Amino acid sequence: MTRARYINDNGQLIYVRSEPLKEMNAHDFFWLIGLLEGEGTFGIRNNCLFVKASTCDQDVRDKLEAITGTGTTYDRPPTAGSKKHVYIWSLDGWFGRELMLKIKQHMSVRRQEQIDRALSQYKYKGPAIGSNNFNTKLQPADVKEIRRLARDTDLTQREIGLLFGIAKSSTGGIVRRHTWKHV
């Protein structure tokens, strides 16, 4: 199982697999539905759909990751008022949407309403390119200005990148139209 590992802003070690859902046999599929019915959450945050399950049993969280073949996993240590460790699995974005649609008809009315609420609030903004990418530092006007500066001035790509808070390699990709092709 290949996963990326990083530490988030809170110092938590997080493992991420961003792959399509694995095909599941009926036994695993209905185990997943039962778990998400009891321990699941369906929602949307910053226009990103998510399915999340929290459990006090690490083996349950690990089985959830194994049968879906994807998702983000992390641990939340006990807080002052609790003695239990919490193990969390989540599936975000397009794959979270795919899972919601796949299991919705098998869920209780309450969970179906949660899924419907999340799906109705989601606004598809096209592919996550350019300013549709939540992680972008630039807007289309910035890209045009970068290309103009590269063409009409003696500034280096490094200097232009510093003006806009981006790396030299990002500036080069914009100038050569390897990135931001649509602008």
N, C-alpha and C. Protein backbone atom coordinates (compact mmCIF):
# COMPACT_ATOMS: atom_id res chain seq x y z
N MET A 1 0.85 -1.17 0.00
CA MET A 1 0.00 0.00 0.00
C MET A 1 0.89 1.24 0.00
N THR A 2 0.87 2.05 -1.05
CA THR A 2 1.69 3.24 -1.16
C THR A 2 0.92 4.43 -0.62
N ARG A 3 1.53 5.13 0.34
CA ARG A 3 0.88 6.30 0.90
C ARG A 3 1.92 7.41 1.12
N ALA A 4 1.49 8.63 0.97
CA ALA A 4 2.34 9.77 1.30
C ALA A 4 2.20 10.03 2.79
N ARG A 5 3.30 10.44 3.41
CA ARG A 5 3.29 10.67 4.84
C ARG A 5 3.75 12.11 5.09
N TYR A 6 3.01 12.84 5.92
CA TYR A 6 3.45 14.18 6.27
C TYR A 6 2.89 14.54 7.64
N ILE A 7 3.40 15.65 8.18
CA ILE A 7 2.95 16.14 9.48
C ILE A 7 2.16 17.42 9.24
N ASN A 8 0.94 17.47 9.77
CA ASN A 8 0.10 18.64 9.53
C ASN A 8 0.47 19.78 10.48
N ASP A 9 -0.29 20.89 10.42
CA ASP A 9 0.00 22.07 11.23
C ASP A 9 -0.11 21.81 12.72
N ASN A 10 -0.88 20.80 13.10
CA ASN A 10 -1.04 20.46 14.52
C ASN A 10 -0.02 19.44 14.99
N GLY A 11 0.93 19.10 14.14
CA GLY A 11 1.96 18.14 14.52
C GLY A 11 1.52 16.69 14.42
N GLN A 12 0.36 16.44 13.79
CA GLN A 12 -0.13 15.07 13.64
C GLN A 12 0.51 14.41 12.42
N LEU A 13 0.87 13.14 12.57
CA LEU A 13 1.38 12.36 11.46
C LEU A 13 0.18 11.86 10.66
N ILE A 14 0.15 12.18 9.36
CA ILE A 14 -0.99 11.85 8.51
C ILE A 14 -0.49 11.03 7.32
N TYR A 15 -1.26 10.00 6.97
CA TYR A 15 -0.97 9.18 5.79
C TYR A 15 -2.06 9.43 4.76
N VAL A 16 -1.67 9.68 3.53
CA VAL A 16 -2.64 10.00 2.49
C VAL A 16 -2.47 9.07 1.30
N ARG A 17 -3.59 8.49 0.84
CA ARG A 17 -3.66 7.76 -0.42
C ARG A 17 -4.79 8.38 -1.21
N SER A 18 -4.49 8.90 -2.36
CA SER A 18 -5.52 9.51 -3.19
C SER A 18 -5.65 8.69 -4.46
N GLU A 19 -6.45 7.65 -4.36
CA GLU A 19 -6.67 6.74 -5.48
C GLU A 19 -8.14 6.41 -5.56
N PRO A 20 -8.61 5.95 -6.71
CA PRO A 20 -10.02 5.54 -6.81
C PRO A 20 -10.33 4.41 -5.84
N LEU A 21 -11.59 4.31 -5.48
CA LEU A 21 -12.03 3.22 -4.61
C LEU A 21 -11.75 1.87 -5.25
N LYS A 22 -11.33 0.93 -4.42
CA LYS A 22 -11.16 -0.44 -4.90
C LYS A 22 -12.52 -1.07 -5.10
N GLU A 23 -12.59 -2.04 -5.98
CA GLU A 23 -13.81 -2.84 -6.09
C GLU A 23 -13.91 -3.69 -4.82
N MET A 24 -15.09 -3.73 -4.23
CA MET A 24 -15.28 -4.48 -2.99
C MET A 24 -16.24 -5.63 -3.22
N ASN A 25 -16.02 -6.72 -2.48
CA ASN A 25 -17.00 -7.80 -2.51
C ASN A 25 -18.19 -7.37 -1.65
N ALA A 26 -19.29 -8.07 -1.75
CA ALA A 26 -20.53 -7.70 -1.06
C ALA A 26 -20.33 -7.64 0.46
N HIS A 27 -19.59 -8.59 1.01
CA HIS A 27 -19.36 -8.62 2.46
C HIS A 27 -18.67 -7.34 2.92
N ASP A 28 -17.59 -6.95 2.23
CA ASP A 28 -16.86 -5.73 2.60
C ASP A 28 -17.69 -4.47 2.36
N PHE A 29 -18.45 -4.46 1.27
CA PHE A 29 -19.28 -3.31 0.95
C PHE A 29 -20.31 -3.05 2.06
N PHE A 30 -20.98 -4.11 2.51
CA PHE A 30 -22.00 -3.90 3.54
C PHE A 30 -21.38 -3.70 4.92
N TRP A 31 -20.17 -4.22 5.16
CA TRP A 31 -19.44 -3.89 6.40
C TRP A 31 -19.15 -2.39 6.42
N LEU A 32 -18.71 -1.85 5.27
CA LEU A 32 -18.42 -0.42 5.14
C LEU A 32 -19.68 0.40 5.41
N ILE A 33 -20.79 0.00 4.84
CA ILE A 33 -22.05 0.72 5.05
C ILE A 33 -22.44 0.71 6.52
N GLY A 34 -22.31 -0.44 7.17
CA GLY A 34 -22.64 -0.52 8.60
C GLY A 34 -21.75 0.37 9.44
N LEU A 35 -20.46 0.38 9.13
CA LEU A 35 -19.53 1.23 9.88
C LEU A 35 -19.87 2.71 9.68
N LEU A 36 -20.07 3.12 8.43
CA LEU A 36 -20.35 4.52 8.16
C LEU A 36 -21.72 4.94 8.70
N GLU A 37 -22.66 4.01 8.76
CA GLU A 37 -23.97 4.32 9.36
C GLU A 37 -23.80 4.70 10.83
N GLY A 38 -22.94 3.96 11.52
CA GLY A 38 -22.77 4.22 12.96
C GLY A 38 -21.69 5.23 13.30
N GLU A 39 -20.59 5.22 12.57
CA GLU A 39 -19.43 6.04 12.94
C GLU A 39 -19.08 7.09 11.88
N GLY A 40 -19.89 7.19 10.83
CA GLY A 40 -19.53 8.06 9.71
C GLY A 40 -20.08 9.46 9.80
N THR A 41 -19.44 10.32 9.03
CA THR A 41 -19.89 11.70 8.86
C THR A 41 -19.77 12.01 7.37
N PHE A 42 -20.77 12.70 6.84
CA PHE A 42 -20.77 13.10 5.44
C PHE A 42 -20.94 14.60 5.40
N GLY A 43 -20.07 15.29 4.68
CA GLY A 43 -20.19 16.74 4.67
C GLY A 43 -19.41 17.39 3.56
N ILE A 44 -19.31 18.72 3.70
CA ILE A 44 -18.57 19.54 2.74
C ILE A 44 -17.86 20.63 3.52
N ARG A 45 -16.60 20.87 3.16
CA ARG A 45 -15.79 21.91 3.81
C ARG A 45 -14.98 22.59 2.71
N ASN A 46 -15.08 23.90 2.59
CA ASN A 46 -14.38 24.66 1.55
C ASN A 46 -14.65 24.07 0.15
N ASN A 47 -15.89 23.77 -0.11
CA ASN A 47 -16.34 23.17 -1.38
C ASN A 47 -15.65 21.85 -1.69
N CYS A 48 -15.23 21.14 -0.67
CA CYS A 48 -14.61 19.82 -0.83
C CYS A 48 -15.46 18.80 -0.07
N LEU A 49 -16.07 17.87 -0.79
CA LEU A 49 -16.89 16.84 -0.16
C LEU A 49 -16.00 15.89 0.63
N PHE A 50 -16.52 15.35 1.74
CA PHE A 50 -15.75 14.38 2.51
C PHE A 50 -16.65 13.34 3.16
N VAL A 51 -16.08 12.15 3.31
CA VAL A 51 -16.66 11.07 4.10
C VAL A 51 -15.63 10.78 5.17
N LYS A 52 -16.08 10.68 6.42
CA LYS A 52 -15.13 10.51 7.51
C LYS A 52 -15.68 9.50 8.51
N ALA A 53 -14.78 8.68 9.04
CA ALA A 53 -15.16 7.72 10.08
C ALA A 53 -14.15 7.83 11.22
N SER A 54 -14.65 7.91 12.43
CA SER A 54 -13.81 7.97 13.62
C SER A 54 -14.13 6.77 14.49
N THR A 55 -13.10 6.11 14.99
CA THR A 55 -13.30 4.93 15.82
C THR A 55 -12.21 4.86 16.89
N CYS A 56 -12.48 4.15 17.95
CA CYS A 56 -11.48 3.94 19.00
C CYS A 56 -10.66 2.69 18.75
N ASP A 57 -10.94 1.99 17.66
CA ASP A 57 -10.23 0.75 17.34
C ASP A 57 -9.38 0.94 16.10
N GLN A 58 -8.07 0.86 16.28
CA GLN A 58 -7.16 1.05 15.15
C GLN A 58 -7.37 -0.01 14.07
N ASP A 59 -7.68 -1.25 14.48
CA ASP A 59 -7.86 -2.31 13.49
C ASP A 59 -9.07 -2.04 12.60
N VAL A 60 -10.10 -1.39 13.13
CA VAL A 60 -11.28 -1.05 12.33
C VAL A 60 -10.90 0.00 11.29
N ARG A 61 -10.18 1.03 11.71
CA ARG A 61 -9.73 2.07 10.78
C ARG A 61 -8.82 1.47 9.70
N ASP A 62 -7.92 0.57 10.11
CA ASP A 62 -7.01 -0.06 9.14
C ASP A 62 -7.76 -0.94 8.14
N LYS A 63 -8.81 -1.63 8.62
CA LYS A 63 -9.62 -2.45 7.71
C LYS A 63 -10.36 -1.55 6.72
N LEU A 64 -10.84 -0.43 7.20
CA LEU A 64 -11.54 0.53 6.34
C LEU A 64 -10.62 0.99 5.22
N GLU A 65 -9.38 1.31 5.55
CA GLU A 65 -8.42 1.72 4.52
C GLU A 65 -8.10 0.57 3.58
N ALA A 66 -7.99 -0.63 4.13
CA ALA A 66 -7.64 -1.79 3.30
C ALA A 66 -8.75 -2.13 2.29
N ILE A 67 -10.01 -2.09 2.73
CA ILE A 67 -11.08 -2.49 1.80
C ILE A 67 -11.41 -1.41 0.78
N THR A 68 -11.18 -0.12 1.13
CA THR A 68 -11.44 0.94 0.16
C THR A 68 -10.22 1.18 -0.72
N GLY A 69 -9.03 0.90 -0.19
CA GLY A 69 -7.80 1.11 -0.94
C GLY A 69 -7.40 2.56 -1.09
N THR A 70 -8.00 3.44 -0.31
CA THR A 70 -7.72 4.87 -0.45
C THR A 70 -8.07 5.60 0.84
N GLY A 71 -7.81 6.87 0.88
CA GLY A 71 -8.20 7.69 2.01
C GLY A 71 -7.02 8.27 2.79
N THR A 72 -7.36 9.13 3.72
CA THR A 72 -6.39 9.76 4.62
C THR A 72 -6.62 9.18 6.00
N THR A 73 -5.54 8.79 6.68
CA THR A 73 -5.68 8.25 8.02
C THR A 73 -4.79 9.02 8.98
N TYR A 74 -5.30 9.21 10.19
CA TYR A 74 -4.50 9.84 11.24
C TYR A 74 -5.07 9.45 12.60
N ASP A 75 -4.29 9.74 13.63
CA ASP A 75 -4.67 9.42 15.00
C ASP A 75 -4.85 10.71 15.77
N ARG A 76 -5.81 10.70 16.69
CA ARG A 76 -5.97 11.82 17.60
C ARG A 76 -5.75 11.28 19.00
N PRO A 77 -4.67 11.71 19.68
CA PRO A 77 -4.39 11.19 21.01
C PRO A 77 -5.47 11.61 22.00
N PRO A 78 -5.52 10.93 23.14
CA PRO A 78 -6.53 11.27 24.15
C PRO A 78 -6.42 12.74 24.57
N THR A 79 -7.57 13.36 24.77
CA THR A 79 -7.60 14.74 25.27
C THR A 79 -7.71 14.70 26.79
N ALA A 80 -7.69 15.85 27.41
CA ALA A 80 -7.71 15.92 28.87
C ALA A 80 -8.94 15.22 29.46
N GLY A 81 -10.09 15.36 28.81
CA GLY A 81 -11.31 14.77 29.34
C GLY A 81 -11.56 13.34 28.91
N SER A 82 -10.67 12.77 28.09
CA SER A 82 -10.88 11.43 27.57
C SER A 82 -9.61 10.60 27.70
N LYS A 83 -9.79 9.31 27.86
CA LYS A 83 -8.63 8.41 27.95
C LYS A 83 -8.47 7.59 26.68
N LYS A 84 -9.34 7.84 25.70
CA LYS A 84 -9.33 7.01 24.50
C LYS A 84 -8.62 7.69 23.34
N HIS A 85 -7.89 6.90 22.60
CA HIS A 85 -7.25 7.31 21.37
C HIS A 85 -8.30 7.22 20.27
N VAL A 86 -8.34 8.15 19.34
CA VAL A 86 -9.30 8.11 18.24
C VAL A 86 -8.53 7.93 16.94
N TYR A 87 -8.99 6.98 16.12
CA TYR A 87 -8.37 6.67 14.84
C TYR A 87 -9.34 7.13 13.74
N ILE A 88 -8.83 7.93 12.82
CA ILE A 88 -9.70 8.59 11.85
C ILE A 88 -9.29 8.22 10.42
N TRP A 89 -10.30 7.97 9.59
CA TRP A 89 -10.12 7.73 8.16
C TRP A 89 -11.04 8.71 7.45
N SER A 90 -10.55 9.34 6.38
CA SER A 90 -11.43 10.21 5.60
C SER A 90 -11.11 10.08 4.12
N LEU A 91 -12.11 10.35 3.34
CA LEU A 91 -11.99 10.33 1.88
C LEU A 91 -12.60 11.63 1.37
N ASP A 92 -11.77 12.44 0.71
CA ASP A 92 -12.18 13.78 0.32
C ASP A 92 -12.31 13.92 -1.19
N GLY A 93 -12.97 14.98 -1.59
CA GLY A 93 -13.04 15.36 -2.98
C GLY A 93 -13.88 14.43 -3.84
N TRP A 94 -13.39 14.24 -5.06
CA TRP A 94 -14.13 13.46 -6.05
C TRP A 94 -14.37 12.04 -5.58
N PHE A 95 -13.37 11.41 -4.94
CA PHE A 95 -13.52 10.03 -4.49
C PHE A 95 -14.51 9.95 -3.32
N GLY A 96 -14.55 11.00 -2.49
CA GLY A 96 -15.56 11.07 -1.44
C GLY A 96 -16.96 11.14 -2.03
N ARG A 97 -17.11 11.92 -3.08
CA ARG A 97 -18.40 12.03 -3.78
C ARG A 97 -18.80 10.68 -4.36
N GLU A 98 -17.83 10.01 -4.99
CA GLU A 98 -18.09 8.70 -5.58
C GLU A 98 -18.61 7.71 -4.52
N LEU A 99 -17.98 7.72 -3.35
CA LEU A 99 -18.41 6.82 -2.28
C LEU A 99 -19.81 7.18 -1.79
N MET A 100 -20.07 8.48 -1.62
CA MET A 100 -21.40 8.91 -1.18
C MET A 100 -22.48 8.39 -2.12
N LEU A 101 -22.26 8.57 -3.42
CA LEU A 101 -23.26 8.14 -4.40
C LEU A 101 -23.43 6.63 -4.41
N LYS A 102 -22.34 5.91 -4.17
CA LYS A 102 -22.38 4.44 -4.21
C LYS A 102 -23.15 3.85 -3.03
N ILE A 103 -23.04 4.47 -1.86
CA ILE A 103 -23.64 3.87 -0.66
C ILE A 103 -24.97 4.50 -0.25
N LYS A 104 -25.30 5.65 -0.80
CA LYS A 104 -26.45 6.42 -0.34
C LYS A 104 -27.74 5.60 -0.24
N GLN A 105 -28.06 4.83 -1.24
CA GLN A 105 -29.33 4.10 -1.24
C GLN A 105 -29.43 3.06 -0.13
N HIS A 106 -28.28 2.68 0.45
CA HIS A 106 -28.27 1.66 1.50
C HIS A 106 -28.25 2.25 2.91
N MET A 107 -28.21 3.58 3.01
CA MET A 107 -28.08 4.23 4.30
C MET A 107 -29.45 4.60 4.86
N SER A 108 -29.48 4.92 6.16
CA SER A 108 -30.71 5.35 6.81
C SER A 108 -31.14 6.71 6.26
N VAL A 109 -32.37 7.09 6.55
CA VAL A 109 -32.90 8.36 6.07
C VAL A 109 -32.04 9.51 6.57
N ARG A 110 -31.62 9.46 7.83
CA ARG A 110 -30.80 10.53 8.40
C ARG A 110 -29.48 10.68 7.65
N ARG A 111 -28.83 9.56 7.36
CA ARG A 111 -27.56 9.61 6.63
C ARG A 111 -27.77 10.02 5.17
N GLN A 112 -28.87 9.58 4.56
CA GLN A 112 -29.18 10.00 3.20
C GLN A 112 -29.36 11.52 3.14
N GLU A 113 -30.00 12.08 4.18
CA GLU A 113 -30.19 13.53 4.23
C GLU A 113 -28.85 14.25 4.37
N GLN A 114 -27.92 13.70 5.18
CA GLN A 114 -26.58 14.29 5.30
C GLN A 114 -25.88 14.30 3.95
N ILE A 115 -25.95 13.17 3.25
CA ILE A 115 -25.31 13.06 1.94
C ILE A 115 -25.95 14.04 0.95
N ASP A 116 -27.30 14.09 0.92
CA ASP A 116 -27.99 15.02 0.02
C ASP A 116 -27.61 16.47 0.31
N ARG A 117 -27.53 16.82 1.60
CA ARG A 117 -27.17 18.18 1.99
C ARG A 117 -25.76 18.54 1.48
N ALA A 118 -24.82 17.62 1.68
CA ALA A 118 -23.45 17.86 1.22
C ALA A 118 -23.40 17.99 -0.29
N LEU A 119 -24.05 17.06 -0.99
CA LEU A 119 -24.02 17.08 -2.46
C LEU A 119 -24.68 18.34 -3.03
N SER A 120 -25.76 18.81 -2.38
CA SER A 120 -26.46 19.99 -2.88
C SER A 120 -25.65 21.26 -2.67
N GLN A 121 -24.75 21.29 -1.69
CA GLN A 121 -23.92 22.47 -1.44
C GLN A 121 -22.66 22.49 -2.30
N TYR A 122 -22.35 21.35 -2.90
CA TYR A 122 -21.14 21.25 -3.71
C TYR A 122 -21.33 21.97 -5.03
N LYS A 123 -20.37 22.78 -5.42
CA LYS A 123 -20.41 23.49 -6.69
C LYS A 123 -19.22 23.05 -7.52
N TYR A 124 -19.48 22.33 -8.60
CA TYR A 124 -18.38 21.90 -9.47
C TYR A 124 -17.85 23.11 -10.21
N LYS A 125 -16.57 23.36 -10.09
CA LYS A 125 -15.97 24.54 -10.70
C LYS A 125 -15.07 24.18 -11.87
N GLY A 126 -15.24 23.02 -12.41
CA GLY A 126 -14.38 22.59 -13.50
C GLY A 126 -13.12 21.96 -12.95
N PRO A 127 -12.22 21.57 -13.84
CA PRO A 127 -10.98 20.95 -13.38
C PRO A 127 -10.22 21.92 -12.47
N ALA A 128 -9.48 21.38 -11.54
CA ALA A 128 -8.73 22.20 -10.57
C ALA A 128 -7.47 22.75 -11.22
N ILE A 129 -7.69 23.58 -12.24
CA ILE A 129 -6.56 24.21 -12.91
C ILE A 129 -6.65 25.71 -12.68
N GLY A 130 -5.52 26.37 -12.72
CA GLY A 130 -5.50 27.82 -12.58
C GLY A 130 -6.13 28.27 -11.28
N SER A 131 -6.98 29.28 -11.35
CA SER A 131 -7.57 29.85 -10.14
C SER A 131 -8.63 28.94 -9.53
N ASN A 132 -9.04 27.87 -10.22
CA ASN A 132 -9.95 26.88 -9.62
C ASN A 132 -9.23 25.97 -8.64
N ASN A 133 -7.91 25.96 -8.67
CA ASN A 133 -7.13 25.15 -7.75
C ASN A 133 -7.08 25.89 -6.42
N PHE A 134 -7.55 25.27 -5.34
CA PHE A 134 -7.62 25.93 -4.04
C PHE A 134 -6.24 26.33 -3.53
N ASN A 135 -5.20 25.76 -4.08
CA ASN A 135 -3.84 25.98 -3.58
C ASN A 135 -3.09 27.05 -4.39
N THR A 136 -3.75 27.70 -5.33
CA THR A 136 -3.06 28.64 -6.22
C THR A 136 -2.66 29.92 -5.49
N LYS A 137 -1.56 30.48 -5.92
CA LYS A 137 -1.11 31.78 -5.40
C LYS A 137 -1.40 32.89 -6.40
N LEU A 138 -1.80 32.51 -7.60
CA LEU A 138 -1.93 33.46 -8.70
C LEU A 138 -3.35 33.54 -9.22
N GLN A 139 -3.63 34.64 -9.86
CA GLN A 139 -4.87 34.84 -10.60
C GLN A 139 -4.50 35.03 -12.07
N PRO A 140 -5.44 34.91 -12.99
CA PRO A 140 -5.11 35.06 -14.41
C PRO A 140 -4.38 36.37 -14.74
N ALA A 141 -4.75 37.47 -14.08
CA ALA A 141 -4.07 38.74 -14.34
C ALA A 141 -2.59 38.66 -13.95
N ASP A 142 -2.28 37.93 -12.87
CA ASP A 142 -0.89 37.75 -12.45
C ASP A 142 -0.10 36.99 -13.51
N VAL A 143 -0.73 35.97 -14.08
CA VAL A 143 -0.06 35.16 -15.10
C VAL A 143 0.25 36.01 -16.32
N LYS A 144 -0.69 36.83 -16.74
CA LYS A 144 -0.45 37.71 -17.88
C LYS A 144 0.69 38.68 -17.58
N GLU A 145 0.73 39.19 -16.37
CA GLU A 145 1.79 40.12 -15.98
C GLU A 145 3.15 39.42 -15.94
N ILE A 146 3.19 38.19 -15.45
CA ILE A 146 4.44 37.42 -15.44
C ILE A 146 4.95 37.24 -16.87
N ARG A 147 4.09 36.88 -17.77
CA ARG A 147 4.51 36.70 -19.17
C ARG A 147 4.96 38.03 -19.79
N ARG A 148 4.28 39.11 -19.45
CA ARG A 148 4.67 40.42 -19.97
C ARG A 148 6.05 40.81 -19.43
N LEU A 149 6.28 40.62 -18.13
CA LEU A 149 7.58 40.96 -17.52
C LEU A 149 8.70 40.14 -18.14
N ALA A 150 8.44 38.86 -18.38
CA ALA A 150 9.47 38.01 -18.97
C ALA A 150 9.79 38.44 -20.42
N ARG A 151 8.78 38.90 -21.13
CA ARG A 151 8.95 39.28 -22.53
C ARG A 151 9.54 40.69 -22.67
N ASP A 152 9.09 41.64 -21.83
CA ASP A 152 9.40 43.05 -22.05
C ASP A 152 10.46 43.64 -21.13
N THR A 153 10.96 42.90 -20.16
CA THR A 153 11.94 43.46 -19.22
C THR A 153 13.18 42.57 -19.17
N ASP A 154 14.18 43.05 -18.45
CA ASP A 154 15.41 42.28 -18.26
C ASP A 154 15.40 41.49 -16.96
N LEU A 155 14.24 41.39 -16.30
CA LEU A 155 14.16 40.63 -15.05
C LEU A 155 14.35 39.14 -15.33
N THR A 156 15.04 38.46 -14.41
CA THR A 156 15.21 37.01 -14.55
C THR A 156 13.93 36.33 -14.06
N GLN A 157 13.79 35.05 -14.40
CA GLN A 157 12.62 34.31 -13.93
C GLN A 157 12.62 34.23 -12.41
N ARG A 158 13.80 34.13 -11.81
CA ARG A 158 13.89 34.10 -10.35
C ARG A 158 13.36 35.40 -9.75
N GLU A 159 13.76 36.54 -10.33
CA GLU A 159 13.32 37.85 -9.83
C GLU A 159 11.80 38.02 -10.01
N ILE A 160 11.30 37.58 -11.14
CA ILE A 160 9.84 37.65 -11.37
C ILE A 160 9.12 36.77 -10.36
N GLY A 161 9.64 35.57 -10.14
CA GLY A 161 9.03 34.67 -9.15
C GLY A 161 8.99 35.29 -7.76
N LEU A 162 10.07 35.98 -7.37
CA LEU A 162 10.10 36.64 -6.06
C LEU A 162 9.04 37.72 -5.95
N LEU A 163 8.77 38.43 -7.04
CA LEU A 163 7.73 39.46 -7.04
C LEU A 163 6.34 38.88 -6.74
N PHE A 164 6.12 37.65 -7.20
CA PHE A 164 4.79 37.04 -7.07
C PHE A 164 4.74 35.94 -6.00
N GLY A 165 5.87 35.71 -5.33
CA GLY A 165 5.89 34.70 -4.27
C GLY A 165 5.85 33.28 -4.78
N ILE A 166 6.43 33.04 -5.95
CA ILE A 166 6.45 31.69 -6.52
C ILE A 166 7.89 31.31 -6.87
N ALA A 167 8.13 30.04 -7.08
CA ALA A 167 9.46 29.53 -7.39
C ALA A 167 9.86 29.87 -8.83
N LYS A 168 11.16 29.87 -9.07
CA LYS A 168 11.69 30.10 -10.43
C LYS A 168 11.12 29.08 -11.41
N SER A 169 11.03 27.81 -10.97
CA SER A 169 10.50 26.77 -11.87
C SER A 169 9.04 27.03 -12.23
N SER A 170 8.26 27.57 -11.29
CA SER A 170 6.86 27.91 -11.59
C SER A 170 6.79 29.04 -12.59
N THR A 171 7.66 30.03 -12.42
CA THR A 171 7.71 31.15 -13.36
C THR A 171 8.05 30.64 -14.76
N GLY A 172 9.05 29.75 -14.85
CA GLY A 172 9.44 29.19 -16.14
C GLY A 172 8.31 28.42 -16.80
N GLY A 173 7.57 27.65 -16.01
CA GLY A 173 6.43 26.91 -16.56
C GLY A 173 5.36 27.82 -17.12
N ILE A 174 5.13 28.95 -16.44
CA ILE A 174 4.13 29.91 -16.92
C ILE A 174 4.60 30.57 -18.22
N VAL A 175 5.87 31.00 -18.23
CA VAL A 175 6.41 31.69 -19.41
C VAL A 175 6.40 30.77 -20.63
N ARG A 176 6.76 29.50 -20.44
CA ARG A 176 6.80 28.54 -21.57
C ARG A 176 5.42 27.94 -21.87
N ARG A 177 4.41 28.35 -21.10
CA ARG A 177 3.02 27.88 -21.25
C ARG A 177 2.88 26.38 -20.99
N HIS A 178 3.71 25.86 -20.12
CA HIS A 178 3.53 24.48 -19.68
C HIS A 178 2.44 24.43 -18.60
N THR A 179 2.30 25.53 -17.89
CA THR A 179 1.23 25.67 -16.91
C THR A 179 0.42 26.90 -17.27
N TRP A 180 -0.75 27.01 -16.75
CA TRP A 180 -1.67 28.11 -17.03
C TRP A 180 -1.85 28.29 -18.55
N LYS A 181 -2.01 27.17 -19.25
CA LYS A 181 -2.16 27.20 -20.71
C LYS A 181 -3.44 27.93 -21.14
N HIS A 182 -4.44 27.86 -20.27
CA HIS A 182 -5.74 28.42 -20.61
C HIS A 182 -5.78 29.94 -20.53
N VAL A 183 -4.69 30.57 -20.05
CA VAL A 183 -4.66 32.04 -19.93
C VAL A 183 -3.83 32.62 -21.04
